[in-house]
């Protein structure tokens, strides 16, 4: 797993939306994007 560092650009990645579409971070190049990571998804914690 990659480790992100504050101030360093996030690597390009692709993800599926809840409607099944694929989006890439690079699709939003030049725009402000908020990435939110929550490691405890689908856990009782």
N, C-alpha and C. Protein backbone atom coordinates (compact mmCIF):
# COMPACT_ATOMS: atom_id res chain seq x y z
N UNK A 1 0.84 -1.17 0.00
CA UNK A 1 0.00 0.00 0.00
C UNK A 1 0.89 1.24 0.00
N UNK A 2 0.51 2.22 -0.79
CA UNK A 2 1.28 3.46 -0.87
C UNK A 2 0.98 4.35 0.32
N UNK A 3 1.97 5.09 0.74
CA UNK A 3 1.78 6.04 1.83
C UNK A 3 1.79 7.44 1.23
N UNK A 4 0.81 8.25 1.60
CA UNK A 4 0.72 9.62 1.10
C UNK A 4 1.40 10.56 2.10
N UNK A 5 2.00 11.60 1.58
CA UNK A 5 2.67 12.59 2.40
C UNK A 5 2.04 13.95 2.15
N UNK A 6 1.83 14.72 3.20
CA UNK A 6 1.25 16.05 3.08
C UNK A 6 2.08 16.90 2.12
N UNK A 7 1.41 17.57 1.21
CA UNK A 7 2.06 18.47 0.27
C UNK A 7 2.52 17.83 -1.02
N UNK A 8 2.45 16.51 -1.11
CA UNK A 8 2.85 15.80 -2.32
C UNK A 8 1.58 15.42 -3.09
N UNK A 9 1.62 15.61 -4.40
CA UNK A 9 0.45 15.30 -5.22
C UNK A 9 0.09 13.82 -5.12
N UNK A 10 -1.19 13.54 -5.06
CA UNK A 10 -1.66 12.15 -5.01
C UNK A 10 -1.41 11.48 -6.35
N UNK A 11 -1.08 10.20 -6.35
CA UNK A 11 -0.91 9.50 -7.62
C UNK A 11 -2.26 9.33 -8.33
N UNK A 12 -2.22 9.24 -9.64
CA UNK A 12 -3.46 9.04 -10.38
C UNK A 12 -4.01 7.65 -10.04
N UNK A 13 -5.32 7.55 -9.91
CA UNK A 13 -5.96 6.27 -9.64
C UNK A 13 -7.35 6.28 -10.24
N UNK A 14 -7.92 5.12 -10.41
CA UNK A 14 -9.28 4.98 -10.91
C UNK A 14 -10.14 4.33 -9.83
N UNK A 15 -11.41 4.71 -9.80
CA UNK A 15 -12.35 4.14 -8.83
C UNK A 15 -13.72 4.05 -9.49
N UNK A 16 -14.55 3.19 -8.93
CA UNK A 16 -15.92 3.04 -9.43
C UNK A 16 -16.85 3.90 -8.58
N UNK A 17 -17.80 4.55 -9.24
CA UNK A 17 -18.82 5.30 -8.53
C UNK A 17 -19.92 4.35 -8.08
N UNK A 18 -20.83 4.84 -7.28
CA UNK A 18 -21.92 3.98 -6.82
C UNK A 18 -22.87 3.61 -7.96
N UNK A 19 -22.79 4.33 -9.09
CA UNK A 19 -23.62 3.99 -10.24
C UNK A 19 -22.89 3.09 -11.24
N UNK A 20 -21.65 2.68 -10.90
CA UNK A 20 -20.91 1.75 -11.74
C UNK A 20 -20.00 2.39 -12.77
N UNK A 21 -19.95 3.71 -12.80
CA UNK A 21 -19.06 4.41 -13.74
C UNK A 21 -17.64 4.43 -13.17
N UNK A 22 -16.66 4.47 -14.05
CA UNK A 22 -15.26 4.56 -13.64
C UNK A 22 -14.81 6.01 -13.77
N UNK A 23 -14.14 6.52 -12.75
CA UNK A 23 -13.58 7.87 -12.79
C UNK A 23 -12.12 7.79 -12.39
N UNK A 24 -11.31 8.70 -12.94
CA UNK A 24 -9.90 8.78 -12.60
C UNK A 24 -9.63 10.14 -11.97
N UNK A 25 -8.67 10.18 -11.08
CA UNK A 25 -8.29 11.45 -10.48
C UNK A 25 -7.87 12.43 -11.56
N UNK A 26 -7.19 11.95 -12.58
CA UNK A 26 -6.73 12.82 -13.66
C UNK A 26 -7.89 13.45 -14.45
N UNK A 27 -9.10 12.89 -14.32
CA UNK A 27 -10.27 13.49 -14.97
C UNK A 27 -10.55 14.89 -14.41
N UNK A 28 -10.05 15.17 -13.22
CA UNK A 28 -10.31 16.43 -12.53
C UNK A 28 -9.08 17.33 -12.50
N UNK A 29 -8.11 17.07 -13.38
CA UNK A 29 -6.88 17.87 -13.42
C UNK A 29 -7.22 19.34 -13.61
N UNK A 30 -6.59 20.21 -12.83
CA UNK A 30 -6.83 21.64 -12.91
C UNK A 30 -7.99 22.11 -12.05
N UNK A 31 -8.68 21.16 -11.39
CA UNK A 31 -9.79 21.51 -10.51
C UNK A 31 -9.41 21.16 -9.07
N UNK A 32 -10.08 21.77 -8.14
CA UNK A 32 -9.86 21.42 -6.74
C UNK A 32 -10.66 20.17 -6.42
N UNK A 33 -10.00 19.22 -5.77
CA UNK A 33 -10.63 17.94 -5.42
C UNK A 33 -10.32 17.63 -3.97
N UNK A 34 -11.30 17.15 -3.24
CA UNK A 34 -11.10 16.72 -1.87
C UNK A 34 -11.12 15.20 -1.86
N UNK A 35 -10.03 14.60 -1.39
CA UNK A 35 -9.96 13.15 -1.24
C UNK A 35 -10.14 12.83 0.23
N UNK A 36 -11.05 11.94 0.54
CA UNK A 36 -11.30 11.57 1.92
C UNK A 36 -11.12 10.07 2.04
N UNK A 37 -10.22 9.66 2.92
CA UNK A 37 -9.95 8.25 3.14
C UNK A 37 -10.42 7.89 4.54
N UNK A 38 -11.14 6.81 4.67
CA UNK A 38 -11.56 6.36 5.98
C UNK A 38 -11.27 4.86 6.09
N UNK A 39 -10.23 4.53 6.84
CA UNK A 39 -9.74 3.15 6.88
C UNK A 39 -10.65 2.17 7.62
N UNK A 40 -11.63 2.64 8.34
CA UNK A 40 -12.47 1.74 9.11
C UNK A 40 -13.80 1.44 8.43
N UNK A 41 -13.87 1.62 7.13
CA UNK A 41 -15.10 1.35 6.40
C UNK A 41 -15.50 -0.11 6.55
N UNK A 42 -16.76 -0.35 6.77
CA UNK A 42 -17.33 -1.69 6.90
C UNK A 42 -16.72 -2.49 8.06
N UNK A 43 -16.32 -1.81 9.11
CA UNK A 43 -15.84 -2.48 10.32
C UNK A 43 -16.67 -1.98 11.49
N UNK A 44 -16.73 -2.75 12.58
CA UNK A 44 -17.50 -2.31 13.72
C UNK A 44 -16.84 -1.15 14.48
N UNK A 45 -15.57 -0.81 14.15
CA UNK A 45 -14.85 0.26 14.86
C UNK A 45 -15.29 1.55 14.39
